[in-house]
């Protein structure tokens, strides 16, 4: 059972990135799953999650309207499209569910 997150990088304020989280060893479609982020010295923050039962989604107030979570069940992959990025979005981003945590991918928003 494994989750691997990809797609982080350095982007200017106002830019976009798409993170991907590939699941292996289990069927992603059967589980709730979410994206979290953490800045050194601060608590981990829940960013967004996707429900397996009704397809519902949740976003933290800090990202609502700018980030979009989605799934590609055929690829067993979760995505996080991040638009209008701000310096305060800088963090290590993780995907996780009840079975596993991904290894994290660094997102840096800076000019």
C-alpha atoms as a PDB file:
ATOM      1  CA  UNK A   1       0.000   0.000   0.000  1.00  0.00           C
ATOM      2  CA  UNK A   2       1.635   3.219  -1.121  1.00  0.00           C
ATOM      3  CA  UNK A   3       0.925   6.796  -2.128  1.00  0.00           C
ATOM      4  CA  UNK A   4       3.429   8.809  -4.145  1.00  0.00           C
ATOM      5  CA  UNK A   5       3.005  12.533  -4.662  1.00  0.00           C
ATOM      6  CA  UNK A   6       4.498  14.397  -7.623  1.00  0.00           C
ATOM      7  CA  UNK A   7       4.370  17.779  -9.260  1.00  0.00           C
ATOM      8  CA  UNK A   8       5.776  20.228  -6.768  1.00  0.00           C
ATOM      9  CA  UNK A   9       8.204  22.921  -7.741  1.00  0.00           C
ATOM     10  CA  UNK A  10       9.008  26.612  -7.788  1.00  0.00           C
ATOM     11  CA  UNK A  11       6.371  28.937  -9.190  1.00  0.00           C
ATOM     12  CA  UNK A  12       5.837  32.693  -9.178  1.00  0.00           C
ATOM     13  CA  UNK A  13       2.913  34.249  -7.301  1.00  0.00           C
ATOM     14  CA  UNK A  14      -0.225  33.994  -9.393  1.00  0.00           C
ATOM     15  CA  UNK A  15       1.033  30.874 -11.132  1.00  0.00           C
ATOM     16  CA  UNK A  16      -0.334  27.336 -11.217  1.00  0.00           C
ATOM     17  CA  UNK A  17       0.804  23.832 -10.420  1.00  0.00           C
ATOM     18  CA  UNK A  18      -0.891  20.454 -10.574  1.00  0.00           C
ATOM     19  CA  UNK A  19       0.036  17.857  -7.995  1.00  0.00           C
ATOM     20  CA  UNK A  20      -0.557  14.168  -8.619  1.00  0.00           C
ATOM     21  CA  UNK A  21      -0.795  11.348  -6.088  1.00  0.00           C
ATOM     22  CA  UNK A  22      -0.488   7.824  -7.458  1.00  0.00           C
ATOM     23  CA  UNK A  23      -1.940   5.030  -5.346  1.00  0.00           C
ATOM     24  CA  UNK A  24      -0.628   1.471  -5.467  1.00  0.00           C
ATOM     25  CA  UNK A  25      -1.685  -1.630  -3.597  1.00  0.00           C
ATOM     26  CA  UNK A  26      -5.285  -0.535  -3.208  1.00  0.00           C
ATOM     27  CA  UNK A  27      -8.134   0.932  -5.257  1.00  0.00           C
ATOM     28  CA  UNK A  28      -8.258   4.665  -4.731  1.00  0.00           C
ATOM     29  CA  UNK A  29     -11.936   4.851  -5.655  1.00  0.00           C
ATOM     30  CA  UNK A  30     -12.920   2.938  -2.512  1.00  0.00           C
ATOM     31  CA  UNK A  31     -11.503   5.465  -0.050  1.00  0.00           C
ATOM     32  CA  UNK A  32     -11.795   9.030   1.090  1.00  0.00           C
ATOM     33  CA  UNK A  33      -8.512  10.769   0.418  1.00  0.00           C
ATOM     34  CA  UNK A  34      -7.071  14.209   0.943  1.00  0.00           C
ATOM     35  CA  UNK A  35      -4.254  16.657   0.495  1.00  0.00           C
ATOM     36  CA  UNK A  36      -2.431  18.147   3.454  1.00  0.00           C
ATOM     37  CA  UNK A  37       0.424  20.611   3.746  1.00  0.00           C
ATOM     38  CA  UNK A  38       3.002  21.507   6.328  1.00  0.00           C
ATOM     39  CA  UNK A  39       5.449  24.322   6.859  1.00  0.00           C
ATOM     40  CA  UNK A  40       8.428  23.693   9.179  1.00  0.00           C
ATOM     41  CA  UNK A  41       7.534  24.734  12.698  1.00  0.00           C
ATOM     42  CA  UNK A  42       3.813  24.794  12.025  1.00  0.00           C
ATOM     43  CA  UNK A  43       1.039  22.236  12.386  1.00  0.00           C
ATOM     44  CA  UNK A  44      -0.015  20.150   9.422  1.00  0.00           C
ATOM     45  CA  UNK A  45      -3.025  21.670   7.665  1.00  0.00           C
ATOM     46  CA  UNK A  46      -5.801  19.886   5.827  1.00  0.00           C
ATOM     47  CA  UNK A  47      -6.130  21.450   2.375  1.00  0.00           C
ATOM     48  CA  UNK A  48      -8.729  19.426   0.523  1.00  0.00           C
ATOM     49  CA  UNK A  49     -10.366  16.029   0.536  1.00  0.00           C
ATOM     50  CA  UNK A  50     -12.473  13.895  -1.759  1.00  0.00           C
ATOM     51  CA  UNK A  51     -15.231  11.544  -0.623  1.00  0.00           C
ATOM     52  CA  UNK A  52     -15.456   8.038  -2.036  1.00  0.00           C
ATOM     53  CA  UNK A  53     -19.150   7.649  -1.262  1.00  0.00           C
ATOM     54  CA  UNK A  54     -20.791  10.670  -2.891  1.00  0.00           C
ATOM     55  CA  UNK A  55     -17.982  12.395  -4.733  1.00  0.00           C
ATOM     56  CA  UNK A  56     -18.162  15.331  -2.380  1.00  0.00           C
ATOM     57  CA  UNK A  57     -15.203  17.605  -1.884  1.00  0.00           C
ATOM     58  CA  UNK A  58     -13.924  19.808   0.914  1.00  0.00           C
ATOM     59  CA  UNK A  59     -11.579  22.777   0.794  1.00  0.00           C
ATOM     60  CA  UNK A  60     -10.019  24.798   3.563  1.00  0.00           C
ATOM     61  CA  UNK A  61     -10.960  28.461   3.566  1.00  0.00           C
ATOM     62  CA  UNK A  62      -7.395  29.370   2.659  1.00  0.00           C
ATOM     63  CA  UNK A  63      -7.578  27.590  -0.718  1.00  0.00           C
ATOM     64  CA  UNK A  64     -11.279  27.645  -1.586  1.00  0.00           C
ATOM     65  CA  UNK A  65     -11.860  29.011  -5.063  1.00  0.00           C
ATOM     66  CA  UNK A  66      -8.242  28.526  -6.085  1.00  0.00           C
ATOM     67  CA  UNK A  67      -7.575  24.788  -5.679  1.00  0.00           C
ATOM     68  CA  UNK A  68      -9.500  21.880  -7.211  1.00  0.00           C
ATOM     69  CA  UNK A  69      -9.261  18.252  -6.134  1.00  0.00           C
ATOM     70  CA  UNK A  70     -10.090  15.491  -8.585  1.00  0.00           C
ATOM     71  CA  UNK A  71      -9.619  11.783  -9.215  1.00  0.00           C
ATOM     72  CA  UNK A  72      -8.791   9.680 -12.267  1.00  0.00           C
ATOM     73  CA  UNK A  73      -9.923   6.252 -11.148  1.00  0.00           C
ATOM     74  CA  UNK A  74      -8.626   4.587 -14.297  1.00  0.00           C
ATOM     75  CA  UNK A  75      -5.133   5.782 -13.351  1.00  0.00           C
ATOM     76  CA  UNK A  76      -5.690   5.279  -9.605  1.00  0.00           C
ATOM     77  CA  UNK A  77      -4.515   8.866  -9.199  1.00  0.00           C
ATOM     78  CA  UNK A  78      -5.612  11.881  -7.180  1.00  0.00           C
ATOM     79  CA  UNK A  79      -4.886  15.414  -8.373  1.00  0.00           C
ATOM     80  CA  UNK A  80      -4.748  18.872  -6.860  1.00  0.00           C
ATOM     81  CA  UNK A  81      -4.922  21.726  -9.358  1.00  0.00           C
ATOM     82  CA  UNK A  82      -3.561  24.840  -7.680  1.00  0.00           C
ATOM     83  CA  UNK A  83      -4.216  28.206  -9.325  1.00  0.00           C
ATOM     84  CA  UNK A  84      -3.540  31.791  -8.255  1.00  0.00           C
ATOM     85  CA  UNK A  85      -0.790  30.581  -5.972  1.00  0.00           C
ATOM     86  CA  UNK A  86       0.364  32.805  -3.136  1.00  0.00           C
ATOM     87  CA  UNK A  87       3.620  32.830  -1.152  1.00  0.00           C
ATOM     88  CA  UNK A  88       1.669  31.537   1.849  1.00  0.00           C
ATOM     89  CA  UNK A  89       0.889  28.365  -0.120  1.00  0.00           C
ATOM     90  CA  UNK A  90       4.563  27.418   0.184  1.00  0.00           C
ATOM     91  CA  UNK A  91       4.751  24.084   2.013  1.00  0.00           C
ATOM     92  CA  UNK A  92       5.379  20.387   1.642  1.00  0.00           C
ATOM     93  CA  UNK A  93       2.196  18.849   0.266  1.00  0.00           C
ATOM     94  CA  UNK A  94       1.136  15.324   1.179  1.00  0.00           C
ATOM     95  CA  UNK A  95      -1.650  13.056   0.013  1.00  0.00           C
ATOM     96  CA  UNK A  96      -3.062  10.654   2.553  1.00  0.00           C
ATOM     97  CA  UNK A  97      -5.913   8.412   3.509  1.00  0.00           C
ATOM     98  CA  UNK A  98      -6.572   5.849   6.237  1.00  0.00           C
ATOM     99  CA  UNK A  99      -4.125   3.414   4.670  1.00  0.00           C
ATOM    100  CA  UNK A 100      -1.088   5.517   3.896  1.00  0.00           C
ATOM    101  CA  UNK A 101       0.700   8.867   3.708  1.00  0.00           C
ATOM    102  CA  UNK A 102       2.599   9.924   0.614  1.00  0.00           C
ATOM    103  CA  UNK A 103       6.196  11.105   0.858  1.00  0.00           C
ATOM    104  CA  UNK A 104       5.404  14.771   0.210  1.00  0.00           C
ATOM    105  CA  UNK A 105       6.287  17.161  -2.568  1.00  0.00           C
ATOM    106  CA  UNK A 106       7.666  20.669  -2.029  1.00  0.00           C
ATOM    107  CA  UNK A 107       5.744  23.634  -3.402  1.00  0.00           C
ATOM    108  CA  UNK A 108       7.500  26.994  -3.296  1.00  0.00           C
ATOM    109  CA  UNK A 109       5.745  30.168  -4.386  1.00  0.00           C
ATOM    110  CA  UNK A 110       8.204  32.995  -4.753  1.00  0.00           C
ATOM    111  CA  UNK A 111       9.232  35.718  -7.161  1.00  0.00           C
END
